[in-house]
Protein backbone atom coordinates (compact mmCIF):
# COMPACT_ATOMS: atom_id res chain seq x y z
CA UNK A 1 114.55 92.64 134.56
CA UNK A 2 117.23 90.89 132.52
CA UNK A 3 115.92 89.96 129.10
CA UNK A 4 115.94 86.33 128.11
CA UNK A 5 118.90 85.41 125.93
CA UNK A 6 118.01 81.76 125.24
CA UNK A 7 114.91 79.80 124.44
CA UNK A 8 114.96 78.20 127.88
CA UNK A 9 115.07 81.54 129.64
CA UNK A 10 112.22 82.76 127.47
CA UNK A 11 110.10 79.77 128.49
CA UNK A 12 110.86 80.43 132.16
CA UNK A 13 109.83 84.07 131.82
CA UNK A 14 106.29 83.06 130.90
CA UNK A 15 106.35 85.03 127.64
CA UNK A 16 103.53 84.24 125.19
CA UNK A 17 103.73 85.03 121.49
CA UNK A 18 100.89 86.75 119.61
CA UNK A 19 100.21 87.09 115.90
CA UNK A 20 100.93 90.63 114.74
CA UNK A 21 97.25 91.39 114.07
CA UNK A 22 96.28 90.31 117.58
CA UNK A 23 99.15 92.38 118.96
CA UNK A 24 97.98 95.47 117.06
CA UNK A 25 94.38 94.91 118.11
CA UNK A 26 95.18 94.42 121.80
CA UNK A 27 97.48 97.43 121.97
CA UNK A 28 94.91 99.59 120.18
CA UNK A 29 92.22 98.58 122.66
CA UNK A 30 94.58 99.44 125.50
CA UNK A 31 95.05 102.94 124.08
CA UNK A 32 91.30 103.32 123.57
CA UNK A 33 90.64 102.42 127.20
CA UNK A 34 93.19 104.99 128.31
CA UNK A 35 91.81 107.63 125.98
CA UNK A 36 95.13 107.89 124.14
CA UNK A 37 95.51 108.67 120.46
CA UNK A 38 97.45 106.48 118.07
CA UNK A 39 98.50 108.97 115.42
CA UNK A 40 100.58 112.04 116.17
CA UNK A 41 100.83 115.00 113.84
CA UNK A 42 97.81 113.88 111.81
CA UNK A 43 95.47 116.88 111.62
CA UNK A 44 91.85 116.82 110.45
CA UNK A 45 91.35 113.04 110.39
CA UNK A 46 89.87 112.51 113.86
CA UNK A 47 86.31 112.12 112.57
CA UNK A 48 87.04 110.53 109.21
CA UNK A 49 90.21 108.55 108.52
CA UNK A 50 91.32 107.62 112.05
CA UNK A 51 88.07 105.80 113.01
CA UNK A 52 88.23 103.82 109.76
CA UNK A 53 91.85 102.81 110.45
CA UNK A 54 90.97 101.78 113.99
CA UNK A 55 88.08 99.64 112.73
CA UNK A 56 90.35 97.97 110.18
CA UNK A 57 92.95 97.14 112.83
CA UNK A 58 90.33 95.73 115.18
CA UNK A 59 88.94 93.63 112.34
CA UNK A 60 92.43 92.38 111.44
CA UNK A 61 92.27 93.73 107.90
CA UNK A 62 95.01 94.64 105.47
CA UNK A 63 94.56 98.29 104.45
CA UNK A 64 94.93 100.30 101.27
CA UNK A 65 94.91 104.09 101.60
CA UNK A 66 93.48 105.90 98.61
CA UNK A 67 94.22 109.61 98.29
CA UNK A 68 96.03 112.37 96.44
CA UNK A 69 99.62 113.32 97.16
CA UNK A 70 100.39 115.00 100.44
CA UNK A 71 97.54 113.46 102.45
CA UNK A 72 99.67 111.75 105.14
CA UNK A 73 99.16 108.23 103.78
CA UNK A 74 102.75 107.19 104.41
CA UNK A 75 102.80 108.83 107.83
CA UNK A 76 99.73 106.87 108.93
CA UNK A 77 101.30 103.60 107.81
CA UNK A 78 104.51 104.40 109.68
CA UNK A 79 102.56 105.38 112.79
CA UNK A 80 101.06 101.90 112.95
CA UNK A 81 104.36 100.78 114.48
CA UNK A 82 103.28 102.60 117.66
CA UNK A 83 100.80 99.77 118.17
CA UNK A 84 103.54 97.13 118.16
CA UNK A 85 105.05 95.83 121.39
CA UNK A 86 108.24 97.60 122.51
CA UNK A 87 110.18 94.36 122.01
CA UNK A 88 109.51 90.80 120.92
CA UNK A 89 111.85 87.77 120.85
CA UNK A 90 113.11 86.20 117.62
CA UNK A 91 115.52 83.48 116.63
CA UNK A 92 119.09 84.78 116.56
CA UNK A 93 120.48 84.94 113.03
CA UNK A 94 117.14 84.22 111.36
CA UNK A 95 116.50 86.24 108.22
CA UNK A 96 112.74 86.12 108.67
CA UNK A 97 112.40 86.93 112.39
CA UNK A 98 111.17 83.47 113.36
CA UNK A 99 109.16 83.06 116.54
CA UNK A 100 111.27 80.93 118.93
CA UNK A 101 108.13 79.09 120.02
CA UNK A 102 106.89 78.40 116.48
CA UNK A 103 109.68 78.59 113.88
CA UNK A 104 108.60 78.33 110.24
CA UNK A 105 111.94 77.99 108.45
CA UNK A 106 113.88 74.73 108.37
CA UNK A 107 117.14 76.34 109.52
CA UNK A 108 115.55 77.53 112.78
CA UNK A 109 113.85 74.21 113.40
CA UNK A 110 117.19 72.46 112.93
CA UNK A 111 118.85 74.90 115.32
CA UNK A 112 116.28 74.23 118.03
CA UNK A 113 116.59 70.48 117.48
CA UNK A 114 120.35 70.75 118.02
CA UNK A 115 120.55 73.26 120.89
CA UNK A 116 117.13 72.88 122.56
CA UNK A 117 116.73 75.40 125.40
CA UNK A 118 120.20 76.81 124.77
CA UNK A 119 119.08 78.19 121.40
CA UNK A 120 120.03 81.91 121.36
CA UNK A 121 117.38 84.54 120.80
CA UNK A 122 117.39 88.28 120.07
CA UNK A 123 114.86 91.03 120.70
CA UNK A 124 113.25 93.09 117.94
CA UNK A 125 112.01 96.68 118.25
CA UNK A 126 109.07 98.13 116.28
CA UNK A 127 111.57 99.71 113.85
CA UNK A 128 112.97 96.26 113.12
CA UNK A 129 109.48 95.03 112.29
CA UNK A 130 108.48 97.66 109.72
CA UNK A 131 109.54 97.87 106.09
CA UNK A 132 108.39 100.22 103.35
CA UNK A 133 108.85 100.03 99.60
CA UNK A 134 108.03 102.55 96.89
CA UNK A 135 106.47 100.63 94.01
CA UNK A 136 108.20 101.13 90.69
CA UNK A 137 107.76 99.26 87.40
CA UNK A 138 111.23 97.70 87.68
CA UNK A 139 110.58 95.88 90.97
CA UNK A 140 110.89 92.11 90.62
CA UNK A 141 109.43 89.15 92.47
CA UNK A 142 112.90 88.52 93.85
CA UNK A 143 112.94 91.98 95.44
CA UNK A 144 109.69 91.43 97.30
CA UNK A 145 109.39 87.66 97.80
CA UNK A 146 112.76 86.06 97.17
CA UNK A 147 114.91 84.13 94.71
CA UNK A 148 117.33 81.23 94.49
CA UNK A 149 120.79 82.34 95.60
CA UNK A 150 123.33 81.00 93.07
CA UNK A 151 126.15 81.38 95.60
CA UNK A 152 124.37 79.04 98.01
CA UNK A 153 123.86 76.55 95.18
CA UNK A 154 127.54 76.80 94.27
CA UNK A 155 128.41 75.94 97.86
CA UNK A 156 127.02 72.49 97.23
CA UNK A 157 123.36 72.70 98.26
CA UNK A 158 120.66 71.11 96.13
CA UNK A 159 118.16 73.35 94.31
CA UNK A 160 115.40 71.64 96.26
CA UNK A 161 117.01 72.73 99.53
CA UNK A 162 115.11 75.54 101.22
CA UNK A 163 118.43 76.99 102.41
CA UNK A 164 119.28 78.03 98.84
CA UNK A 165 116.63 80.75 98.99
CA UNK A 166 117.57 84.41 99.35
CA UNK A 167 114.55 86.04 100.95
CA UNK A 168 113.07 89.26 99.64
CA UNK A 169 111.87 92.27 101.58
CA UNK A 170 108.47 90.89 102.61
CA UNK A 171 109.64 87.67 104.33
CA UNK A 172 112.30 89.71 106.14
CA UNK A 173 109.58 91.70 107.89
CA UNK A 174 107.78 88.57 109.11
CA UNK A 175 105.85 89.27 112.34
CA UNK A 176 105.63 92.92 111.41
CA UNK A 177 104.11 95.49 109.03
CA UNK A 178 104.98 95.85 105.36
CA UNK A 179 103.93 98.98 103.43
CA UNK A 180 103.89 99.55 99.68
CA UNK A 181 103.65 103.13 98.45
CA UNK A 182 101.97 103.82 95.08
CA UNK A 183 100.79 100.23 94.60
CA UNK A 184 99.34 100.80 91.08
CA UNK A 185 102.89 101.41 89.80
CA UNK A 186 103.73 97.80 90.63
CA UNK A 187 103.69 95.65 87.50
CA UNK A 188 100.64 93.39 87.31
CA UNK A 189 102.71 90.20 87.27
CA UNK A 190 104.33 91.35 90.54
CA UNK A 191 100.93 92.09 92.03
CA UNK A 192 99.97 88.49 91.29
CA UNK A 193 102.86 87.38 93.53
CA UNK A 194 101.17 89.13 96.46
CA UNK A 195 97.92 87.19 96.16
CA UNK A 196 99.04 84.24 98.27
CA UNK A 197 100.44 86.55 100.89
CA UNK A 198 97.10 88.29 101.39
CA UNK A 199 94.81 85.28 101.18
CA UNK A 200 96.70 82.13 102.18
CA UNK A 201 99.28 84.03 104.24
CA UNK A 202 102.22 82.22 102.68
CA UNK A 203 104.75 82.68 99.89
CA UNK A 204 106.01 80.49 97.05
CA UNK A 205 109.41 80.87 95.42
CA UNK A 206 110.34 79.43 92.04
CA UNK A 207 107.82 76.61 92.34
CA UNK A 208 109.48 75.17 95.44
CA UNK A 209 107.37 72.85 97.49
CA UNK A 210 107.79 75.21 100.38
CA UNK A 211 105.21 76.94 102.52
CA UNK A 212 106.15 79.84 104.75
CA UNK A 213 103.05 80.99 106.65
CA UNK A 214 104.22 84.57 107.18
CA UNK A 215 102.68 86.69 109.91
CA UNK A 216 102.43 90.09 108.23
CA UNK A 217 100.05 93.01 108.08
CA UNK A 218 100.14 94.56 104.61
CA UNK A 219 99.40 98.24 103.97
CA UNK A 220 99.46 100.06 100.65
CA UNK A 221 98.82 103.52 99.28
CA UNK A 222 97.53 104.68 95.92
CA UNK A 223 96.64 107.94 94.20
CA UNK A 224 93.13 107.92 92.67
CA UNK A 225 94.55 109.26 89.41
CA UNK A 226 97.13 106.47 89.23
CA UNK A 227 94.53 103.99 90.47
CA UNK A 228 92.66 104.19 87.17
CA UNK A 229 95.05 105.65 84.62
CA UNK A 230 98.82 105.42 85.02
CA UNK A 231 98.56 101.99 86.58
CA UNK A 232 95.93 99.83 88.10
CA UNK A 233 95.50 97.37 90.92
CA UNK A 234 94.45 94.00 89.58
CA UNK A 235 90.97 93.04 90.73
CA UNK A 236 91.91 89.87 92.68
CA UNK A 237 94.52 91.78 94.67
CA UNK A 238 92.20 94.71 95.35
CA UNK A 239 89.57 92.27 96.56
CA UNK A 240 91.95 90.82 99.13
CA UNK A 241 92.50 94.09 100.99
CA UNK A 242 90.05 94.09 103.87
CA UNK A 243 89.74 97.88 104.05
CA UNK A 244 90.05 100.69 101.50
CA UNK A 245 90.28 104.01 103.31
CA UNK A 246 89.92 107.34 101.51
CA UNK A 247 92.12 110.16 102.76
CA UNK A 248 91.50 113.85 102.08
CA UNK A 249 93.02 117.30 102.29
CA UNK A 250 92.37 119.63 105.27
CA UNK A 251 88.81 120.88 105.05
CA UNK A 252 89.48 124.24 106.74
CA UNK A 253 92.26 126.81 106.61
CA UNK A 254 92.69 126.42 110.38
CA UNK A 255 93.64 122.76 109.87
CA UNK A 256 95.96 123.76 107.03
CA UNK A 257 97.62 126.34 109.29
CA UNK A 258 98.08 123.78 112.07
CA UNK A 259 99.77 121.37 109.66
CA UNK A 260 102.13 123.89 108.06
CA UNK A 261 103.18 125.36 111.43
CA UNK A 262 103.78 121.85 112.75
CA UNK A 263 105.77 120.65 109.74
CA UNK A 264 107.71 123.77 108.71
CA UNK A 265 111.42 123.81 109.49
CA UNK A 266 112.23 126.59 111.98
CA UNK A 267 114.37 129.48 110.76
CA UNK A 268 116.95 129.54 113.51
CA UNK A 269 119.21 132.37 112.33
CA UNK A 270 119.37 134.52 115.45
CA UNK A 271 116.47 136.75 114.39
CA UNK A 272 113.07 136.09 116.00
CA UNK A 273 110.35 135.46 113.42
CA UNK A 274 106.82 136.60 114.22
CA UNK A 275 104.34 135.27 111.69
CA UNK A 276 101.03 137.19 111.97
CA UNK A 277 97.92 135.06 112.12
CA UNK A 278 96.44 136.65 108.99
CA UNK A 279 99.63 135.93 107.02
CA UNK A 280 99.46 132.26 108.05
CA UNK A 281 95.85 132.22 106.90
CA UNK A 282 96.80 133.78 103.56
CA UNK A 283 99.37 131.06 102.93
CA UNK A 284 96.83 128.37 103.82
CA UNK A 285 94.07 130.08 101.82
CA UNK A 286 96.32 130.17 98.76
CA UNK A 287 96.48 126.37 98.82
CA UNK A 288 92.70 126.11 99.25
CA UNK A 289 92.16 128.51 96.36
CA UNK A 290 94.42 126.34 94.20
CA UNK A 291 92.40 123.25 95.14
CA UNK A 292 89.22 124.97 93.97
CA UNK A 293 90.59 126.64 90.87
CA UNK A 294 89.37 125.32 87.49
CA UNK A 295 92.70 126.46 86.04
CA UNK A 296 94.63 124.02 88.23
CA UNK A 297 94.63 120.30 87.47
CA UNK A 298 92.71 118.81 90.38
CA UNK A 299 93.28 115.21 89.35
CA UNK A 300 96.91 115.38 90.46
CA UNK A 301 95.99 117.15 93.69
CA UNK A 302 97.49 120.16 95.49
CA UNK A 303 99.62 118.81 98.30
CA UNK A 304 99.81 120.15 101.84
CA UNK A 305 103.51 120.43 101.09
CA UNK A 306 102.59 123.53 99.05
CA UNK A 307 101.43 125.29 102.23
CA UNK A 308 104.48 124.14 104.18
CA UNK A 309 106.99 125.29 101.55
CA UNK A 310 105.22 128.61 101.00
CA UNK A 311 105.15 129.22 104.76
CA UNK A 312 108.91 128.59 104.90
CA UNK A 313 109.55 130.77 101.83
CA UNK A 314 107.58 133.77 103.10
CA UNK A 315 109.32 133.49 106.45
CA UNK A 316 112.70 133.35 104.71
CA UNK A 317 111.91 136.51 102.73
CA UNK A 318 111.05 138.33 105.95
CA UNK A 319 114.23 137.13 107.65
CA UNK A 320 116.35 138.28 104.71
CA UNK A 321 114.83 141.78 104.97
CA UNK A 322 115.35 142.00 108.72
CA UNK A 323 118.99 140.88 108.44
CA UNK A 324 119.73 143.24 105.54
CA UNK A 325 118.20 146.22 107.35
CA UNK A 326 119.46 145.20 110.83
CA UNK A 327 115.94 144.99 112.26
CA UNK A 328 115.39 143.19 115.54
CA UNK A 329 112.39 141.17 114.35
CA UNK A 330 111.30 139.46 111.13
CA UNK A 331 107.61 139.80 110.29
CA UNK A 332 106.27 138.59 106.91
CA UNK A 333 104.31 141.15 104.89
CA UNK A 334 102.17 141.07 101.76
CA UNK A 335 105.15 142.07 99.62
CA UNK A 336 106.91 138.86 100.74
CA UNK A 337 104.26 136.84 98.90
CA UNK A 338 106.08 137.56 95.65
CA UNK A 339 108.65 134.99 96.75
CA UNK A 340 106.21 132.06 96.72
CA UNK A 341 106.46 131.61 92.95
CA UNK A 342 109.59 129.50 93.45
CA UNK A 343 107.89 127.22 96.00
CA UNK A 344 104.52 127.03 94.23
CA UNK A 345 104.97 126.57 90.50
CA UNK A 346 106.62 123.17 90.88
CA UNK A 347 103.77 121.88 93.05
CA UNK A 348 100.72 122.75 90.98
CA UNK A 349 99.86 121.55 87.50
CA UNK A 350 97.80 123.89 85.37
CA UNK A 351 95.24 122.62 82.90
CA UNK A 352 96.47 122.02 79.37
CA UNK A 353 94.65 125.07 78.03
CA UNK A 354 96.42 127.28 80.60
CA UNK A 355 99.99 126.20 79.91
CA UNK A 356 102.37 129.14 79.73
CA UNK A 357 100.22 131.25 82.07
CA UNK A 358 101.43 129.82 85.38
CA UNK A 359 102.61 133.17 86.78
CA UNK A 360 99.32 134.89 85.88
CA UNK A 361 97.32 132.08 87.49
CA UNK A 362 99.45 132.21 90.65
CA UNK A 363 99.05 135.99 90.88
CA UNK A 364 95.30 135.61 90.62
CA UNK A 365 95.27 132.92 93.33
CA UNK A 366 97.32 135.09 95.68
CA UNK A 367 94.96 138.04 95.18
CA UNK A 368 91.96 135.81 95.88
CA UNK A 369 93.60 134.42 99.02
CA UNK A 370 94.52 137.85 100.39
CA UNK A 371 91.05 139.29 99.76
CA UNK A 372 89.31 136.27 101.31
CA UNK A 373 91.36 136.63 104.50
CA UNK A 374 90.91 140.43 104.50
CA UNK A 375 87.13 140.02 104.41
CA UNK A 376 87.21 137.45 107.21
CA UNK A 377 89.59 139.31 109.50
CA UNK A 378 88.38 142.89 108.99
CA UNK A 379 84.69 142.47 108.33
CA UNK A 380 82.85 145.63 109.38
CA UNK A 381 85.86 147.94 109.12
CA UNK A 382 85.15 150.87 106.77
CA UNK A 383 88.57 152.60 106.87
CA UNK A 384 86.80 155.82 105.86
CA UNK A 385 89.35 158.07 107.59
CA UNK A 386 92.26 156.33 105.86
CA UNK A 387 90.55 156.52 102.47
CA UNK A 388 89.85 160.20 103.07
CA UNK A 389 93.55 160.83 103.66
CA UNK A 390 94.35 159.24 100.31
CA UNK A 391 91.70 161.53 98.75
CA UNK A 392 92.26 164.79 100.60
CA UNK A 393 95.95 164.68 101.48
CA UNK A 394 97.11 162.81 98.39
CA UNK A 395 98.63 160.08 100.54
CA UNK A 396 100.82 157.70 98.57
CA UNK A 397 102.31 154.52 100.10
CA UNK A 398 105.32 152.73 98.64
CA UNK A 399 105.41 149.01 99.44
CA UNK A 400 108.27 146.62 98.75
CA UNK A 401 109.99 143.68 100.42
CA UNK A 402 113.18 145.77 100.74
CA UNK A 403 111.57 148.69 102.62
CA UNK A 404 112.25 148.72 106.35
CA UNK A 405 109.39 148.58 108.84
CA UNK A 406 109.88 152.01 110.37
CA UNK A 407 110.28 153.61 106.96
CA UNK A 408 107.07 151.98 105.78
CA UNK A 409 105.12 153.11 108.86
CA UNK A 410 106.37 156.71 108.56
CA UNK A 411 104.54 157.06 105.26
CA UNK A 412 101.22 156.90 107.12
CA UNK A 413 102.05 159.37 109.86
CA UNK A 414 99.04 159.38 112.19
CA UNK A 415 97.05 156.11 112.39
CA UNK A 416 93.88 157.84 113.60
CA UNK A 417 90.72 155.79 113.16
CA UNK A 418 92.58 152.50 112.70
CA UNK A 419 92.97 151.40 116.32
CA UNK A 420 90.26 148.73 116.18
CA UNK A 421 91.58 147.23 112.93
CA UNK A 422 95.12 147.16 114.26
CA UNK A 423 93.89 145.45 117.41
CA UNK A 424 92.09 142.82 115.35
CA UNK A 425 95.32 142.17 113.48
CA UNK A 426 97.27 142.02 116.76
CA UNK A 427 99.72 144.60 115.46
CA UNK A 428 100.88 145.67 118.93
CA UNK A 429 103.58 148.33 119.28
CA UNK A 430 106.27 146.74 117.14
CA UNK A 431 107.14 148.63 113.93
CA UNK A 432 107.51 145.32 112.08
CA UNK A 433 104.05 144.00 113.04
CA UNK A 434 102.52 147.44 112.45
CA UNK A 435 104.04 147.65 108.97
CA UNK A 436 102.78 144.17 108.12
CA UNK A 437 99.25 145.04 109.26
CA UNK A 438 99.23 148.35 107.33
CA UNK A 439 100.38 146.73 104.11
CA UNK A 440 97.72 144.02 104.54
CA UNK A 441 95.07 146.73 104.95
CA UNK A 442 96.25 148.62 101.87
CA UNK A 443 96.24 145.46 99.77
CA UNK A 444 92.77 144.52 101.01
CA UNK A 445 91.43 147.97 100.16
CA UNK A 446 92.98 147.73 96.72
CA UNK A 447 91.42 144.30 96.08
CA UNK A 448 88.12 145.75 97.29
CA UNK A 449 88.48 148.45 94.61
CA UNK A 450 88.89 151.27 97.10
CA UNK A 451 92.56 151.99 96.41
CA UNK A 452 94.65 151.93 93.28
CA UNK A 453 97.83 149.92 93.12
CA UNK A 454 100.58 150.70 90.61
CA UNK A 455 103.52 148.33 90.09
CA UNK A 456 106.97 149.91 90.60
CA UNK A 457 110.50 148.66 89.99
CA UNK A 458 110.88 147.66 93.66
CA UNK A 459 107.31 146.69 94.52
CA UNK A 460 104.08 148.66 94.33
CA UNK A 461 102.53 152.05 95.08
CA UNK A 462 99.12 152.48 96.73
CA UNK A 463 97.13 155.64 96.12
CA UNK A 464 93.96 157.14 94.64
């Protein structure tokens, strides 16, 4: 069908306008009836955060998301646009997306009075109806609400004329969703300017006798640490949010793995990358160990971005080795974990008493993560025959990120007695996956105090 281009055509089409909260509610109910989800790429929130968000939307509430960094708060707010209609009509040329059937600004009312059904209209997409602002202390009322435009005054308009106003970001997203990230960083006097918007649903600019009943859903995010210390949300404003929803980090390593695999940028360099399951779990477990460590500042949080960046870094280390040694496949190994220092130390904050010991703390966390995964994946495996070879034959294994897969495997010779363990680790027949599994086993036995490990210039040496 041809879309209406004028007010008259819109009337003939039978279109009916809805407030944005009713629109969100109706579209959510439609998805619920169809059994469809609203949020994509949000892992681990199905039983906690998502139901609370759905209830808030159905109740028509403004929402504040409270959680540490890297808990998908911004993504959830952006995903709310999926509940908006594909297109809605608005007055052509209007800065505040006026509804053609119920314009709130004087310029649009004058235009309709002059052109009647010939008044031109445009169509807005969900992207046109969403705006996001990171709160900073230097934001002004003019940025968010609006200000008198001196150029318009100089053109001859009176100060009392509504047309002298230059609208801020919030009025320009009228009939849509406005999101503020890190709300506590907004100066208190600016927070006061939002009170009318949340309660009376209008705005006031420079004491003008003007009332613009904006149709907006307001969302905000805040970090619990900032919520009480670096900044604060003034009590009247906090009271006006209908729903405060607490987000959280993934509760299991499986959820952490799903997120980092989903979000990591693929390494498309012409070399296939095979990331063993246990190596993914080690990367995820490292983040979980950091979140539990008393040596890491938990008030600032340990973001999921730590897992994603470490996953990418370990994969990059494996790719570099495979390219340098002309191997046909890149498989991350334990020795590649040395590379995560660059992607970890900037994302965790150690406690004040531990400053200067970041590398030691990270090394400890990596060892804990590897041993935890080793115990989960290879529970019940004794490796007595392998240990006996270290004792009786004096077996010594050199491990380093620069050692090729076949060269590493040759150090072991016969893998007698290890078939079940290699099957559990899905090592297969590939030298690269076999080498990764063998190094994982050696490291696990070392952490279990059954093998010695001596640092070398290139990496490490396992033996008895």
